[in-house]
């Protein structure tokens, strides 16, 4: 799943859980707002972690100058580029 879809689903999950808790406590709107805020925080944290992981993988690929196999995240692209060069 891409980082964008993960961001959206975490936001929606936070809003839904907040709505359920708010309904249980008697104020659906406030619960949904608080849940959306929590979902936004979690989604932003996850997005930043994923972007940093991808950046690190690209840095390792650049340092290897293409002579060593790249990390698993980039292996499929690396295999396909070998087929194109052959």
C-alpha atoms as a PDB file:
ATOM      1  CA  UNK A   1       0.000   0.000   0.000  1.00  0.00           C
ATOM      2  CA  UNK A   2       1.333   3.434  -0.878  1.00  0.00           C
ATOM      3  CA  UNK A   3       2.076   6.101   1.673  1.00  0.00           C
ATOM      4  CA  UNK A   4      -0.810   8.250   0.426  1.00  0.00           C
ATOM      5  CA  UNK A   5      -3.419   5.540   0.873  1.00  0.00           C
ATOM      6  CA  UNK A   6      -1.999   4.670   4.260  1.00  0.00           C
ATOM      7  CA  UNK A   7      -2.259   8.325   5.302  1.00  0.00           C
ATOM      8  CA  UNK A   8      -5.912   8.495   4.230  1.00  0.00           C
ATOM      9  CA  UNK A   9      -6.919   5.213   5.860  1.00  0.00           C
ATOM     10  CA  UNK A  10      -5.277   6.147   9.160  1.00  0.00           C
ATOM     11  CA  UNK A  11      -7.127   9.477   9.150  1.00  0.00           C
ATOM     12  CA  UNK A  12     -10.448   7.747   8.439  1.00  0.00           C
ATOM     13  CA  UNK A  13      -9.789   5.089  11.063  1.00  0.00           C
ATOM     14  CA  UNK A  14      -9.079   7.778  13.662  1.00  0.00           C
ATOM     15  CA  UNK A  15     -12.277   9.631  12.759  1.00  0.00           C
ATOM     16  CA  UNK A  16     -14.319   6.415  12.898  1.00  0.00           C
ATOM     17  CA  UNK A  17     -12.925   5.305  16.250  1.00  0.00           C
ATOM     18  CA  UNK A  18     -13.458   8.812  17.616  1.00  0.00           C
ATOM     19  CA  UNK A  19     -17.033   8.804  16.348  1.00  0.00           C
ATOM     20  CA  UNK A  20     -17.703   5.407  17.993  1.00  0.00           C
ATOM     21  CA  UNK A  21     -16.211   6.561  21.315  1.00  0.00           C
ATOM     22  CA  UNK A  22     -18.089   9.865  21.070  1.00  0.00           C
ATOM     23  CA  UNK A  23     -21.335   8.024  20.408  1.00  0.00           C
ATOM     24  CA  UNK A  24     -20.713   5.854  23.446  1.00  0.00           C
ATOM     25  CA  UNK A  25     -20.018   8.945  25.580  1.00  0.00           C
ATOM     26  CA  UNK A  26     -22.904  10.944  24.101  1.00  0.00           C
ATOM     27  CA  UNK A  27     -21.196  13.513  21.847  1.00  0.00           C
ATOM     28  CA  UNK A  28     -20.498  12.086  18.385  1.00  0.00           C
ATOM     29  CA  UNK A  29     -19.228  15.347  16.876  1.00  0.00           C
ATOM     30  CA  UNK A  30     -16.610  16.024  19.520  1.00  0.00           C
ATOM     31  CA  UNK A  31     -15.482  12.402  19.460  1.00  0.00           C
ATOM     32  CA  UNK A  32     -15.103  12.472  15.682  1.00  0.00           C
ATOM     33  CA  UNK A  33     -13.090  15.712  15.860  1.00  0.00           C
ATOM     34  CA  UNK A  34     -10.769  14.362  18.538  1.00  0.00           C
ATOM     35  CA  UNK A  35     -10.432  11.055  16.663  1.00  0.00           C
ATOM     36  CA  UNK A  36      -9.619  12.878  13.431  1.00  0.00           C
ATOM     37  CA  UNK A  37      -6.931  14.875  15.235  1.00  0.00           C
ATOM     38  CA  UNK A  38      -5.403  11.710  16.642  1.00  0.00           C
ATOM     39  CA  UNK A  39      -5.638  10.044  13.214  1.00  0.00           C
ATOM     40  CA  UNK A  40      -3.875  13.032  11.652  1.00  0.00           C
ATOM     41  CA  UNK A  41      -1.057  12.797  14.192  1.00  0.00           C
ATOM     42  CA  UNK A  42      -0.573   9.061  13.632  1.00  0.00           C
ATOM     43  CA  UNK A  43      -0.823   9.421   9.844  1.00  0.00           C
ATOM     44  CA  UNK A  44       1.741  12.242   9.781  1.00  0.00           C
ATOM     45  CA  UNK A  45       4.139  10.236  11.947  1.00  0.00           C
ATOM     46  CA  UNK A  46       3.776   7.193   9.682  1.00  0.00           C
ATOM     47  CA  UNK A  47       4.215   9.288   6.537  1.00  0.00           C
ATOM     48  CA  UNK A  48       7.443  10.832   7.837  1.00  0.00           C
ATOM     49  CA  UNK A  49       8.816   7.425   8.888  1.00  0.00           C
ATOM     50  CA  UNK A  50       8.024   5.940   5.474  1.00  0.00           C
ATOM     51  CA  UNK A  51       9.591   8.867   3.634  1.00  0.00           C
ATOM     52  CA  UNK A  52      12.764   8.657   5.732  1.00  0.00           C
ATOM     53  CA  UNK A  53      12.989   4.901   5.112  1.00  0.00           C
ATOM     54  CA  UNK A  54      12.622   5.401   1.364  1.00  0.00           C
ATOM     55  CA  UNK A  55      15.213   8.200   1.393  1.00  0.00           C
ATOM     56  CA  UNK A  56      17.650   5.977   3.270  1.00  0.00           C
ATOM     57  CA  UNK A  57      17.162   3.179   0.735  1.00  0.00           C
ATOM     58  CA  UNK A  58      17.788   5.570  -2.136  1.00  0.00           C
ATOM     59  CA  UNK A  59      20.946   6.873  -0.441  1.00  0.00           C
ATOM     60  CA  UNK A  60      22.277   3.323  -0.064  1.00  0.00           C
ATOM     61  CA  UNK A  61      21.523   2.663  -3.728  1.00  0.00           C
ATOM     62  CA  UNK A  62      23.351   5.821  -4.774  1.00  0.00           C
ATOM     63  CA  UNK A  63      26.401   4.967  -2.645  1.00  0.00           C
ATOM     64  CA  UNK A  64      26.623   1.465  -4.112  1.00  0.00           C
ATOM     65  CA  UNK A  65      26.952   2.938  -7.646  1.00  0.00           C
ATOM     66  CA  UNK A  66      24.852   0.061  -8.902  1.00  0.00           C
ATOM     67  CA  UNK A  67      27.580  -2.558  -8.287  1.00  0.00           C
ATOM     68  CA  UNK A  68      26.016  -4.130  -5.211  1.00  0.00           C
ATOM     69  CA  UNK A  69      22.417  -5.269  -4.928  1.00  0.00           C
ATOM     70  CA  UNK A  70      20.242  -2.525  -3.458  1.00  0.00           C
ATOM     71  CA  UNK A  71      18.181  -2.983  -0.307  1.00  0.00           C
ATOM     72  CA  UNK A  72      15.029  -5.130  -0.594  1.00  0.00           C
ATOM     73  CA  UNK A  73      12.797  -2.102  -1.074  1.00  0.00           C
ATOM     74  CA  UNK A  74      14.464  -1.294  -4.399  1.00  0.00           C
ATOM     75  CA  UNK A  75      15.300  -4.839  -5.586  1.00  0.00           C
ATOM     76  CA  UNK A  76      12.439  -5.152  -8.057  1.00  0.00           C
ATOM     77  CA  UNK A  77      13.390  -1.917  -9.808  1.00  0.00           C
ATOM     78  CA  UNK A  78      17.049  -2.990  -9.821  1.00  0.00           C
ATOM     79  CA  UNK A  79      16.192  -6.350 -11.424  1.00  0.00           C
ATOM     80  CA  UNK A  80      14.090  -4.664 -14.094  1.00  0.00           C
ATOM     81  CA  UNK A  81      16.855  -2.183 -14.930  1.00  0.00           C
ATOM     82  CA  UNK A  82      19.272  -5.095 -15.506  1.00  0.00           C
ATOM     83  CA  UNK A  83      16.890  -6.566 -18.077  1.00  0.00           C
ATOM     84  CA  UNK A  84      16.671  -3.223 -19.855  1.00  0.00           C
ATOM     85  CA  UNK A  85      20.473  -2.921 -20.069  1.00  0.00           C
ATOM     86  CA  UNK A  86      21.004  -6.442 -21.407  1.00  0.00           C
END
